[in-house]
Amino acid sequence: MLKLYGLSNCDRCRRARHRLEASGQKVEMIDLRRLADQGGLEEALQHFMAHIDWSTLLNRRSTTWRGLDDAERLDLDQTRAVALIKAHPSLIQRPVLDTGTQVLVGKAVDDWPA
């Protein structure tokens, strides 16, 4: 089963889910905010970063990113980025698709394998 991480109110996440389900894939949708509230975000981040670089995961074009202080945005490394993401799960580039063997992040829905 594919795992699709995103936000329940994110249009790109909903489109990705519908496209994958239309192609016959079984998809488990995981809301990142709910996952953070339940304490599972850190484990998910570790899994994501085993497959991709932290800088790919961080959405620097989001409203949340623009709302951060300059001090929070400067001189980022993996440790500081993970701390920011844990504090603000909406900083994750969405959607994130975990196929079991690879993690795809924020790609256009049409570029994902069906």
PDB file of N, CA and C in Angstrom:
ATOM      1  N   MET A   1       0.850  -1.180   0.000  1.00  0.00           N
ATOM      2  CA  MET A   1       0.000   0.000   0.000  1.00  0.00           C
ATOM      3  C   MET A   1       0.893   1.239   0.000  1.00  0.00           C
ATOM      4  N   LEU A   2       0.519   2.206  -0.819  1.00  0.00           N
ATOM      5  CA  LEU A   2       1.235   3.471  -0.866  1.00  0.00           C
ATOM      6  C   LEU A   2       0.820   4.349   0.300  1.00  0.00           C
ATOM      7  N   LYS A   3       1.760   5.133   0.805  1.00  0.00           N
ATOM      8  CA  LYS A   3       1.448   6.103   1.846  1.00  0.00           C
ATOM      9  C   LYS A   3       1.650   7.493   1.262  1.00  0.00           C
ATOM     10  N   LEU A   4       0.615   8.302   1.366  1.00  0.00           N
ATOM     11  CA  LEU A   4       0.652   9.659   0.846  1.00  0.00           C
ATOM     12  C   LEU A   4       0.549  10.615   2.026  1.00  0.00           C
ATOM     13  N   TYR A   5       1.615  11.359   2.259  1.00  0.00           N
ATOM     14  CA  TYR A   5       1.666  12.309   3.371  1.00  0.00           C
ATOM     15  C   TYR A   5       1.354  13.697   2.837  1.00  0.00           C
ATOM     16  N   GLY A   6       0.525  14.414   3.563  1.00  0.00           N
ATOM     17  CA  GLY A   6       0.170  15.762   3.156  1.00  0.00           C
ATOM     18  C   GLY A   6      -0.723  16.402   4.193  1.00  0.00           C
ATOM     19  N   LEU A   7      -1.483  17.367   3.743  1.00  0.00           N
ATOM     20  CA  LEU A   7      -2.459  18.036   4.600  1.00  0.00           C
ATOM     21  C   LEU A   7      -3.839  17.787   4.020  1.00  0.00           C
ATOM     22  N   SER A   8      -4.815  17.608   4.884  1.00  0.00           N
ATOM     23  CA  SER A   8      -6.158  17.264   4.416  1.00  0.00           C
ATOM     24  C   SER A   8      -6.781  18.365   3.565  1.00  0.00           C
ATOM     25  N   ASN A   9      -6.356  19.593   3.762  1.00  0.00           N
ATOM     26  CA  ASN A   9      -6.921  20.693   2.986  1.00  0.00           C
ATOM     27  C   ASN A   9      -6.043  21.113   1.802  1.00  0.00           C
ATOM     28  N   CYS A  10      -5.052  20.318   1.449  1.00  0.00           N
ATOM     29  CA  CYS A  10      -4.121  20.635   0.359  1.00  0.00           C
ATOM     30  C   CYS A  10      -4.658  20.083  -0.964  1.00  0.00           C
ATOM     31  N   ASP A  11      -4.874  20.960  -1.929  1.00  0.00           N
ATOM     32  CA  ASP A  11      -5.404  20.538  -3.231  1.00  0.00           C
ATOM     33  C   ASP A  11      -4.462  19.579  -3.958  1.00  0.00           C
ATOM     34  N   ARG A  12      -3.162  19.849  -3.917  1.00  0.00           N
ATOM     35  CA  ARG A  12      -2.205  18.964  -4.596  1.00  0.00           C
ATOM     36  C   ARG A  12      -2.244  17.566  -3.983  1.00  0.00           C
ATOM     37  N   CYS A  13      -2.401  17.493  -2.679  1.00  0.00           N
ATOM     38  CA  CYS A  13      -2.460  16.188  -2.002  1.00  0.00           C
ATOM     39  C   CYS A  13      -3.719  15.428  -2.405  1.00  0.00           C
ATOM     40  N   ARG A  14      -4.833  16.135  -2.460  1.00  0.00           N
ATOM     41  CA  ARG A  14      -6.093  15.491  -2.861  1.00  0.00           C
ATOM     42  C   ARG A  14      -6.022  15.010  -4.309  1.00  0.00           C
ATOM     43  N   ARG A  15      -5.448  15.841  -5.199  1.00  0.00           N
ATOM     44  CA  ARG A  15      -5.317  15.431  -6.605  1.00  0.00           C
ATOM     45  C   ARG A  15      -4.419  14.203  -6.734  1.00  0.00           C
ATOM     46  N   ALA A  16      -3.326  14.193  -5.974  1.00  0.00           N
ATOM     47  CA  ALA A  16      -2.415  13.046  -6.010  1.00  0.00           C
ATOM     48  C   ALA A  16      -3.133  11.779  -5.556  1.00  0.00           C
ATOM     49  N   ARG A  17      -3.885  11.892  -4.487  1.00  0.00           N
ATOM     50  CA  ARG A  17      -4.606  10.723  -3.972  1.00  0.00           C
ATOM     51  C   ARG A  17      -5.615  10.218  -4.995  1.00  0.00           C
ATOM     52  N   HIS A  18      -6.388  11.123  -5.575  1.00  0.00           N
ATOM     53  CA  HIS A  18      -7.404  10.708  -6.550  1.00  0.00           C
ATOM     54  C   HIS A  18      -6.766  10.072  -7.774  1.00  0.00           C
ATOM     55  N   ARG A  19      -5.651  10.623  -8.233  1.00  0.00           N
ATOM     56  CA  ARG A  19      -4.983  10.061  -9.404  1.00  0.00           C
ATOM     57  C   ARG A  19      -4.464   8.662  -9.109  1.00  0.00           C
ATOM     58  N   LEU A  20      -3.839   8.489  -7.965  1.00  0.00           N
ATOM     59  CA  LEU A  20      -3.306   7.180  -7.605  1.00  0.00           C
ATOM     60  C   LEU A  20      -4.424   6.158  -7.423  1.00  0.00           C
ATOM     61  N   GLU A  21      -5.508   6.558  -6.770  1.00  0.00           N
ATOM     62  CA  GLU A  21      -6.634   5.638  -6.587  1.00  0.00           C
ATOM     63  C   GLU A  21      -7.299   5.310  -7.913  1.00  0.00           C
ATOM     64  N   ALA A  22      -7.376   6.277  -8.820  1.00  0.00           N
ATOM     65  CA  ALA A  22      -7.971   6.038 -10.144  1.00  0.00           C
ATOM     66  C   ALA A  22      -7.149   5.041 -10.955  1.00  0.00           C
ATOM     67  N   SER A  23      -5.847   4.972 -10.661  1.00  0.00           N
ATOM     68  CA  SER A  23      -4.993   4.021 -11.380  1.00  0.00           C
ATOM     69  C   SER A  23      -4.998   2.639 -10.722  1.00  0.00           C
ATOM     70  N   GLY A  24      -5.835   2.479  -9.682  1.00  0.00           N
ATOM     71  CA  GLY A  24      -5.972   1.183  -9.039  1.00  0.00           C
ATOM     72  C   GLY A  24      -5.071   0.963  -7.839  1.00  0.00           C
ATOM     73  N   GLN A  25      -4.346   1.985  -7.421  1.00  0.00           N
ATOM     74  CA  GLN A  25      -3.451   1.868  -6.277  1.00  0.00           C
ATOM     75  C   GLN A  25      -4.240   2.018  -4.970  1.00  0.00           C
ATOM     76  N   LYS A  26      -3.822   1.297  -3.958  1.00  0.00           N
ATOM     77  CA  LYS A  26      -4.380   1.494  -2.617  1.00  0.00           C
ATOM     78  C   LYS A  26      -3.510   2.545  -1.933  1.00  0.00           C
ATOM     79  N   VAL A  27      -4.162   3.589  -1.415  1.00  0.00           N
ATOM     80  CA  VAL A  27      -3.441   4.726  -0.861  1.00  0.00           C
ATOM     81  C   VAL A  27      -3.925   4.998   0.561  1.00  0.00           C
ATOM     82  N   GLU A  28      -2.966   5.094   1.469  1.00  0.00           N
ATOM     83  CA  GLU A  28      -3.274   5.529   2.828  1.00  0.00           C
ATOM     84  C   GLU A  28      -2.858   6.995   2.922  1.00  0.00           C
ATOM     85  N   MET A  29      -3.811   7.878   3.181  1.00  0.00           N
ATOM     86  CA  MET A  29      -3.539   9.302   3.321  1.00  0.00           C
ATOM     87  C   MET A  29      -3.197   9.599   4.768  1.00  0.00           C
ATOM     88  N   ILE A  30      -2.054  10.240   4.996  1.00  0.00           N
ATOM     89  CA  ILE A  30      -1.598  10.558   6.350  1.00  0.00           C
ATOM     90  C   ILE A  30      -1.441  12.070   6.450  1.00  0.00           C
ATOM     91  N   ASP A  31      -2.225  12.678   7.327  1.00  0.00           N
ATOM     92  CA  ASP A  31      -2.172  14.118   7.529  1.00  0.00           C
ATOM     93  C   ASP A  31      -0.962  14.451   8.405  1.00  0.00           C
ATOM     94  N   LEU A  32      -0.091  15.317   7.916  1.00  0.00           N
ATOM     95  CA  LEU A  32       1.142  15.639   8.622  1.00  0.00           C
ATOM     96  C   LEU A  32       0.896  16.337   9.954  1.00  0.00           C
ATOM     97  N   ARG A  33      -0.101  17.185  10.016  1.00  0.00           N
ATOM     98  CA  ARG A  33      -0.394  17.861  11.285  1.00  0.00           C
ATOM     99  C   ARG A  33      -0.886  16.875  12.334  1.00  0.00           C
ATOM    100  N   ARG A  34      -1.754  15.979  11.920  1.00  0.00           N
ATOM    101  CA  ARG A  34      -2.267  14.957  12.845  1.00  0.00           C
ATOM    102  C   ARG A  34      -1.134  14.029  13.286  1.00  0.00           C
ATOM    103  N   LEU A  35      -0.262  13.689  12.347  1.00  0.00           N
ATOM    104  CA  LEU A  35       0.883  12.844  12.669  1.00  0.00           C
ATOM    105  C   LEU A  35       1.779  13.527  13.698  1.00  0.00           C
ATOM    106  N   ALA A  36       1.990  14.838  13.544  1.00  0.00           N
ATOM    107  CA  ALA A  36       2.793  15.595  14.511  1.00  0.00           C
ATOM    108  C   ALA A  36       2.124  15.602  15.880  1.00  0.00           C
ATOM    109  N   ASP A  37       0.811  15.785  15.901  1.00  0.00           N
ATOM    110  CA  ASP A  37       0.070  15.797  17.168  1.00  0.00           C
ATOM    111  C   ASP A  37       0.157  14.448  17.882  1.00  0.00           C
ATOM    112  N   GLN A  38       0.255  13.371  17.105  1.00  0.00           N
ATOM    113  CA  GLN A  38       0.305  12.027  17.682  1.00  0.00           C
ATOM    114  C   GLN A  38       1.727  11.582  18.005  1.00  0.00           C
ATOM    115  N   GLY A  39       2.709  12.422  17.674  1.00  0.00           N
ATOM    116  CA  GLY A  39       4.100  12.112  17.996  1.00  0.00           C
ATOM    117  C   GLY A  39       4.819  11.241  16.993  1.00  0.00           C
ATOM    118  N   GLY A  40       4.270  11.071  15.808  1.00  0.00           N
ATOM    119  CA  GLY A  40       4.900  10.211  14.806  1.00  0.00           C
ATOM    120  C   GLY A  40       5.678  10.938  13.729  1.00  0.00           C
ATOM    121  N   LEU A  41       5.731  12.255  13.810  1.00  0.00           N
ATOM    122  CA  LEU A  41       6.378  13.017  12.739  1.00  0.00           C
ATOM    123  C   LEU A  41       7.885  12.784  12.700  1.00  0.00           C
ATOM    124  N   GLU A  42       8.527  12.697  13.839  1.00  0.00           N
ATOM    125  CA  GLU A  42       9.987  12.518  13.857  1.00  0.00           C
ATOM    126  C   GLU A  42      10.398  11.223  13.164  1.00  0.00           C
ATOM    127  N   GLU A  43       9.683  10.151  13.438  1.00  0.00           N
ATOM    128  CA  GLU A  43       9.973   8.872  12.785  1.00  0.00           C
ATOM    129  C   GLU A  43       9.770   8.970  11.272  1.00  0.00           C
ATOM    130  N   ALA A  44       8.699   9.640  10.857  1.00  0.00           N
ATOM    131  CA  ALA A  44       8.445   9.822   9.429  1.00  0.00           C
ATOM    132  C   ALA A  44       9.555  10.656   8.787  1.00  0.00           C
ATOM    133  N   LEU A  45      10.004  11.705   9.459  1.00  0.00           N
ATOM    134  CA  LEU A  45      11.078  12.544   8.926  1.00  0.00           C
ATOM    135  C   LEU A  45      12.364  11.739   8.751  1.00  0.00           C
ATOM    136  N   GLN A  46      12.681  10.897   9.721  1.00  0.00           N
ATOM    137  CA  GLN A  46      13.877  10.060   9.613  1.00  0.00           C
ATOM    138  C   GLN A  46      13.775   9.130   8.408  1.00  0.00           C
ATOM    139  N   HIS A  47      12.591   8.577   8.204  1.00  0.00           N
ATOM    140  CA  HIS A  47      12.380   7.698   7.048  1.00  0.00           C
ATOM    141  C   HIS A  47      12.528   8.481   5.741  1.00  0.00           C
ATOM    142  N   PHE A  48      11.905   9.654   5.672  1.00  0.00           N
ATOM    143  CA  PHE A  48      12.010  10.471   4.462  1.00  0.00           C
ATOM    144  C   PHE A  48      13.470  10.795   4.161  1.00  0.00           C
ATOM    145  N   MET A  49      14.207  11.217   5.187  1.00  0.00           N
ATOM    146  CA  MET A  49      15.577  11.667   4.975  1.00  0.00           C
ATOM    147  C   MET A  49      16.555  10.522   4.750  1.00  0.00           C
ATOM    148  N   ALA A  50      16.117   9.294   4.945  1.00  0.00           N
ATOM    149  CA  ALA A  50      16.923   8.145   4.542  1.00  0.00           C
ATOM    150  C   ALA A  50      16.896   7.995   3.019  1.00  0.00           C
ATOM    151  N   HIS A  51      15.885   8.605   2.381  1.00  0.00           N
ATOM    152  CA  HIS A  51      15.715   8.488   0.936  1.00  0.00           C
ATOM    153  C   HIS A  51      16.008   9.783   0.190  1.00  0.00           C
ATOM    154  N   ILE A  52      15.807  10.929   0.848  1.00  0.00           N
ATOM    155  CA  ILE A  52      15.980  12.220   0.180  1.00  0.00           C
ATOM    156  C   ILE A  52      16.715  13.190   1.110  1.00  0.00           C
ATOM    157  N   ASP A  53      17.247  14.226   0.522  1.00  0.00           N
ATOM    158  CA  ASP A  53      17.941  15.252   1.287  1.00  0.00           C
ATOM    159  C   ASP A  53      16.938  16.160   1.991  1.00  0.00           C
ATOM    160  N   TRP A  54      17.306  16.628   3.177  1.00  0.00           N
ATOM    161  CA  TRP A  54      16.416  17.492   3.957  1.00  0.00           C
ATOM    162  C   TRP A  54      16.030  18.750   3.188  1.00  0.00           C
ATOM    163  N   SER A  55      16.914  19.261   2.357  1.00  0.00           N
ATOM    164  CA  SER A  55      16.611  20.498   1.632  1.00  0.00           C
ATOM    165  C   SER A  55      15.508  20.289   0.595  1.00  0.00           C
ATOM    166  N   THR A  56      15.356  19.078   0.099  1.00  0.00           N
ATOM    167  CA  THR A  56      14.267  18.756  -0.820  1.00  0.00           C
ATOM    168  C   THR A  56      12.936  18.730  -0.076  1.00  0.00           C
ATOM    169  N   LEU A  57      12.978  18.316   1.154  1.00  0.00           N
ATOM    170  CA  LEU A  57      11.772  18.179   1.971  1.00  0.00           C
ATOM    171  C   LEU A  57      11.226  19.516   2.461  1.00  0.00           C
ATOM    172  N   LEU A  58      12.095  20.508   2.587  1.00  0.00           N
ATOM    173  CA  LEU A  58      11.716  21.808   3.130  1.00  0.00           C
ATOM    174  C   LEU A  58      11.120  22.694   2.039  1.00  0.00           C
ATOM    175  N   ASN A  59       9.906  23.157   2.255  1.00  0.00           N
ATOM    176  CA  ASN A  59       9.211  24.008   1.280  1.00  0.00           C
ATOM    177  C   ASN A  59       9.495  25.477   1.585  1.00  0.00           C
ATOM    178  N   ARG A  60      10.433  26.036   0.834  1.00  0.00           N
ATOM    179  CA  ARG A  60      10.827  27.425   1.047  1.00  0.00           C
ATOM    180  C   ARG A  60       9.916  28.418   0.330  1.00  0.00           C
ATOM    181  N   ARG A  61       8.880  27.927  -0.302  1.00  0.00           N
ATOM    182  CA  ARG A  61       7.945  28.817  -0.986  1.00  0.00           C
ATOM    183  C   ARG A  61       6.610  28.921  -0.249  1.00  0.00           C
ATOM    184  N   SER A  62       6.507  28.256   0.879  1.00  0.00           N
ATOM    185  CA  SER A  62       5.230  28.212   1.598  1.00  0.00           C
ATOM    186  C   SER A  62       4.972  29.491   2.379  1.00  0.00           C
ATOM    187  N   THR A  63       3.721  29.698   2.689  1.00  0.00           N
ATOM    188  CA  THR A  63       3.316  30.824   3.527  1.00  0.00           C
ATOM    189  C   THR A  63       3.947  30.702   4.906  1.00  0.00           C
ATOM    190  N   THR A  64       4.039  29.492   5.407  1.00  0.00           N
ATOM    191  CA  THR A  64       4.643  29.262   6.715  1.00  0.00           C
ATOM    192  C   THR A  64       6.110  29.690   6.710  1.00  0.00           C
ATOM    193  N   TRP A  65       6.836  29.335   5.664  1.00  0.00           N
ATOM    194  CA  TRP A  65       8.242  29.727   5.538  1.00  0.00           C
ATOM    195  C   TRP A  65       8.391  31.249   5.531  1.00  0.00           C
ATOM    196  N   ARG A  66       7.552  31.909   4.761  1.00  0.00           N
ATOM    197  CA  ARG A  66       7.627  33.373   4.676  1.00  0.00           C
ATOM    198  C   ARG A  66       7.275  34.036   6.004  1.00  0.00           C
ATOM    199  N   GLY A  67       6.520  33.357   6.843  1.00  0.00           N
ATOM    200  CA  GLY A  67       6.131  33.899   8.133  1.00  0.00           C
ATOM    201  C   GLY A  67       7.174  33.717   9.228  1.00  0.00           C
ATOM    202  N   LEU A  68       8.219  32.946   8.949  1.00  0.00           N
ATOM    203  CA  LEU A  68       9.261  32.727   9.947  1.00  0.00           C
ATOM    204  C   LEU A  68      10.168  33.948  10.053  1.00  0.00           C
ATOM    205  N   ASP A  69      10.786  34.119  11.217  1.00  0.00           N
ATOM    206  CA  ASP A  69      11.769  35.182  11.408  1.00  0.00           C
ATOM    207  C   ASP A  69      12.994  34.891  10.546  1.00  0.00           C
ATOM    208  N   ASP A  70      13.697  35.953  10.163  1.00  0.00           N
ATOM    209  CA  ASP A  70      14.916  35.773   9.376  1.00  0.00           C
ATOM    210  C   ASP A  70      15.930  34.910  10.123  1.00  0.00           C
ATOM    211  N   ALA A  71      16.002  35.067  11.420  1.00  0.00           N
ATOM    212  CA  ALA A  71      16.947  34.288  12.218  1.00  0.00           C
ATOM    213  C   ALA A  71      16.661  32.788  12.122  1.00  0.00           C
ATOM    214  N   GLU A  72      15.389  32.425  12.008  1.00  0.00           N
ATOM    215  CA  GLU A  72      15.023  31.007  11.891  1.00  0.00           C
ATOM    216  C   GLU A  72      15.380  30.452  10.518  1.00  0.00           C
ATOM    217  N   ARG A  73      15.344  31.291   9.501  1.00  0.00           N
ATOM    218  CA  ARG A  73      15.567  30.838   8.127  1.00  0.00           C
ATOM    219  C   ARG A  73      17.041  30.816   7.721  1.00  0.00           C
ATOM    220  N   LEU A  74      17.881  31.565   8.414  1.00  0.00           N
ATOM    221  CA  LEU A  74      19.289  31.665   8.034  1.00  0.00           C
ATOM    222  C   LEU A  74      20.113  30.514   8.595  1.00  0.00           C
ATOM    223  N   ASP A  75      21.169  30.184   7.870  1.00  0.00           N
ATOM    224  CA  ASP A  75      22.147  29.180   8.317  1.00  0.00           C
ATOM    225  C   ASP A  75      21.504  27.850   8.689  1.00  0.00           C
ATOM    226  N   LEU A  76      20.638  27.362   7.843  1.00  0.00           N
ATOM    227  CA  LEU A  76      19.985  26.081   8.131  1.00  0.00           C
ATOM    228  C   LEU A  76      20.925  24.922   7.854  1.00  0.00           C
ATOM    229  N   ASP A  77      20.873  23.956   8.721  1.00  0.00           N
ATOM    230  CA  ASP A  77      21.479  22.660   8.494  1.00  0.00           C
ATOM    231  C   ASP A  77      20.393  21.624   8.773  1.00  0.00           C
ATOM    232  N   GLN A  78      20.722  20.358   8.660  1.00  0.00           N
ATOM    233  CA  GLN A  78      19.696  19.328   8.824  1.00  0.00           C
ATOM    234  C   GLN A  78      19.055  19.373  10.206  1.00  0.00           C
ATOM    235  N   THR A  79      19.843  19.561  11.241  1.00  0.00           N
ATOM    236  CA  THR A  79      19.313  19.567  12.599  1.00  0.00           C
ATOM    237  C   THR A  79      18.324  20.711  12.802  1.00  0.00           C
ATOM    238  N   ARG A  80      18.680  21.896  12.364  1.00  0.00           N
ATOM    239  CA  ARG A  80      17.797  23.056  12.525  1.00  0.00           C
ATOM    240  C   ARG A  80      16.569  22.922  11.639  1.00  0.00           C
ATOM    241  N   ALA A  81      16.735  22.383  10.428  1.00  0.00           N
ATOM    242  CA  ALA A  81      15.597  22.209   9.531  1.00  0.00           C
ATOM    243  C   ALA A  81      14.592  21.224  10.107  1.00  0.00           C
ATOM    244  N   VAL A  82      15.075  20.131  10.670  1.00  0.00           N
ATOM    245  CA  VAL A  82      14.183  19.139  11.274  1.00  0.00           C
ATOM    246  C   VAL A  82      13.433  19.752  12.453  1.00  0.00           C
ATOM    247  N   ALA A  83      14.118  20.545  13.257  1.00  0.00           N
ATOM    248  CA  ALA A  83      13.456  21.203  14.389  1.00  0.00           C
ATOM    249  C   ALA A  83      12.363  22.154  13.900  1.00  0.00           C
ATOM    250  N   LEU A  84      12.636  22.891  12.822  1.00  0.00           N
ATOM    251  CA  LEU A  84      11.621  23.788  12.252  1.00  0.00           C
ATOM    252  C   LEU A  84      10.430  23.006  11.718  1.00  0.00           C
ATOM    253  N   ILE A  85      10.706  21.915  11.019  1.00  0.00           N
ATOM    254  CA  ILE A  85       9.634  21.095  10.449  1.00  0.00           C
ATOM    255  C   ILE A  85       8.782  20.480  11.554  1.00  0.00           C
ATOM    256  N   LYS A  86       9.415  20.032  12.627  1.00  0.00           N
ATOM    257  CA  LYS A  86       8.648  19.455  13.735  1.00  0.00           C
ATOM    258  C   LYS A  86       7.764  20.510  14.387  1.00  0.00           C
ATOM    259  N   ALA A  87       8.244  21.736  14.440  1.00  0.00           N
ATOM    260  CA  ALA A  87       7.447  22.823  15.016  1.00  0.00           C
ATOM    261  C   ALA A  87       6.366  23.299  14.053  1.00  0.00           C
ATOM    262  N   HIS A  88       6.625  23.173  12.751  1.00  0.00           N
ATOM    263  CA  HIS A  88       5.700  23.648  11.713  1.00  0.00           C
ATOM    264  C   HIS A  88       5.606  22.590  10.604  1.00  0.00           C
ATOM    265  N   PRO A  89       4.779  21.554  10.788  1.00  0.00           N
ATOM    266  CA  PRO A  89       4.697  20.479   9.796  1.00  0.00           C
ATOM    267  C   PRO A  89       4.312  20.951   8.392  1.00  0.00           C
ATOM    268  N   SER A  90       3.677  22.110   8.292  1.00  0.00           N
ATOM    269  CA  SER A  90       3.296  22.607   6.964  1.00  0.00           C
ATOM    270  C   SER A  90       4.506  23.089   6.173  1.00  0.00           C
ATOM    271  N   LEU A  91       5.703  23.055   6.756  1.00  0.00           N
ATOM    272  CA  LEU A  91       6.922  23.388   6.023  1.00  0.00           C
ATOM    273  C   LEU A  91       7.382  22.245   5.118  1.00  0.00           C
ATOM    274  N   ILE A  92       6.767  21.086   5.259  1.00  0.00           N
ATOM    275  CA  ILE A  92       7.137  19.952   4.406  1.00  0.00           C
ATOM    276  C   ILE A  92       6.566  20.176   3.017  1.00  0.00           C
ATOM    277  N   GLN A  93       7.433  20.007   2.029  1.00  0.00           N
ATOM    278  CA  GLN A  93       7.001  20.082   0.631  1.00  0.00           C
ATOM    279  C   GLN A  93       6.006  18.959   0.399  1.00  0.00           C
ATOM    280  N   ARG A  94       4.851  19.287  -0.131  1.00  0.00           N
ATOM    281  CA  ARG A  94       3.795  18.291  -0.292  1.00  0.00           C
ATOM    282  C   ARG A  94       3.442  18.108  -1.762  1.00  0.00           C
ATOM    283  N   PRO A  95       2.848  16.974  -2.016  1.00  0.00           N
ATOM    284  CA  PRO A  95       2.676  15.779  -1.196  1.00  0.00           C
ATOM    285  C   PRO A  95       3.958  14.949  -1.155  1.00  0.00           C
ATOM    286  N   VAL A  96       4.018  14.037  -0.204  1.00  0.00           N
ATOM    287  CA  VAL A  96       5.126  13.098  -0.083  1.00  0.00           C
ATOM    288  C   VAL A  96       4.539  11.711  -0.302  1.00  0.00           C
ATOM    289  N   LEU A  97       5.078  11.002  -1.269  1.00  0.00           N
ATOM    290  CA  LEU A  97       4.597   9.660  -1.582  1.00  0.00           C
ATOM    291  C   LEU A  97       5.661   8.652  -1.179  1.00  0.00           C
ATOM    292  N   ASP A  98       5.292   7.730  -0.307  1.00  0.00           N
ATOM    293  CA  ASP A  98       6.175   6.651   0.121  1.00  0.00           C
ATOM    294  C   ASP A  98       5.684   5.372  -0.547  1.00  0.00           C
ATOM    295  N   THR A  99       6.482   4.865  -1.485  1.00  0.00           N
ATOM    296  CA  THR A  99       6.091   3.663  -2.218  1.00  0.00           C
ATOM    297  C   THR A  99       6.554   2.385  -1.524  1.00  0.00           C
ATOM    298  N   GLY A 100       7.337   2.553  -0.469  1.00  0.00           N
ATOM    299  CA  GLY A 100       7.925   1.393   0.195  1.00  0.00           C
ATOM    300  C   GLY A 100       9.382   1.231  -0.188  1.00  0.00           C
ATOM    301  N   THR A 101       9.724   1.595  -1.417  1.00  0.00           N
ATOM    302  CA  THR A 101      11.114   1.510  -1.874  1.00  0.00           C
ATOM    303  C   THR A 101      11.707   2.883  -2.174  1.00  0.00           C
ATOM    304  N   GLN A 102      10.861   3.867  -2.352  1.00  0.00           N
ATOM    305  CA  GLN A 102      11.345   5.221  -2.605  1.00  0.00           C
ATOM    306  C   GLN A 102      10.377   6.248  -2.034  1.00  0.00           C
ATOM    307  N   VAL A 103      10.889   7.451  -1.853  1.00  0.00           N
ATOM    308  CA  VAL A 103      10.084   8.561  -1.366  1.00  0.00           C
ATOM    309  C   VAL A 103      10.142   9.657  -2.420  1.00  0.00           C
ATOM    310  N   LEU A 104       8.967  10.059  -2.897  1.00  0.00           N
ATOM    311  CA  LEU A 104       8.854  11.113  -3.901  1.00  0.00           C
ATOM    312  C   LEU A 104       8.218  12.321  -3.242  1.00  0.00           C
ATOM    313  N   VAL A 105       8.802  13.481  -3.479  1.00  0.00           N
ATOM    314  CA  VAL A 105       8.366  14.679  -2.774  1.00  0.00           C
ATOM    315  C   VAL A 105       7.993  15.784  -3.749  1.00  0.00           C
ATOM    316  N   GLY A 106       6.770  16.311  -3.567  1.00  0.00           N
ATOM    317  CA  GLY A 106       6.341  17.520  -4.245  1.00  0.00           C
ATOM    318  C   GLY A 106       6.403  17.495  -5.746  1.00  0.00           C
ATOM    319  N   LYS A 107       6.519  16.339  -6.327  1.00  0.00           N
ATOM    320  CA  LYS A 107       6.549  16.271  -7.786  1.00  0.00           C
ATOM    321  C   LYS A 107       5.143  16.503  -8.321  1.00  0.00           C
ATOM    322  N   ALA A 108       5.095  16.966  -9.557  1.00  0.00           N
ATOM    323  CA  ALA A 108       3.798  17.091 -10.203  1.00  0.00           C
ATOM    324  C   ALA A 108       3.140  15.713 -10.220  1.00  0.00           C
ATOM    325  N   VAL A 109       1.860  15.682  -9.986  1.00  0.00           N
ATOM    326  CA  VAL A 109       1.137  14.418  -9.901  1.00  0.00           C
ATOM    327  C   VAL A 109       1.326  13.600 -11.176  1.00  0.00           C
ATOM    328  N   ASP A 110       1.369  14.245 -12.313  1.00  0.00           N
ATOM    329  CA  ASP A 110       1.505  13.505 -13.572  1.00  0.00           C
ATOM    330  C   ASP A 110       2.864  12.860 -13.747  1.00  0.00           C
ATOM    331  N   ASP A 111       3.869  13.293 -12.994  1.00  0.00           N
ATOM    332  CA  ASP A 111       5.199  12.704 -13.098  1.00  0.00           C
ATOM    333  C   ASP A 111       5.349  11.443 -12.262  1.00  0.00           C
ATOM    334  N   TRP A 112       4.408  11.185 -11.360  1.00  0.00           N
ATOM    335  CA  TRP A 112       4.516  10.032 -10.486  1.00  0.00           C
ATOM    336  C   TRP A 112       4.113   8.778 -11.229  1.00  0.00           C
ATOM    337  N   PRO A 113       4.762   7.676 -10.913  1.00  0.00           N
ATOM    338  CA  PRO A 113       4.354   6.425 -11.540  1.00  0.00           C
ATOM    339  C   PRO A 113       2.977   6.018 -11.046  1.00  0.00           C
ATOM    340  N   ALA A 114       2.189   5.528 -11.948  1.00  0.00           N
ATOM    341  CA  ALA A 114       0.829   5.123 -11.583  1.00  0.00           C
ATOM    342  C   ALA A 114       0.791   3.654 -11.212  1.00  0.00           C
TER     343      ALA A 114
END
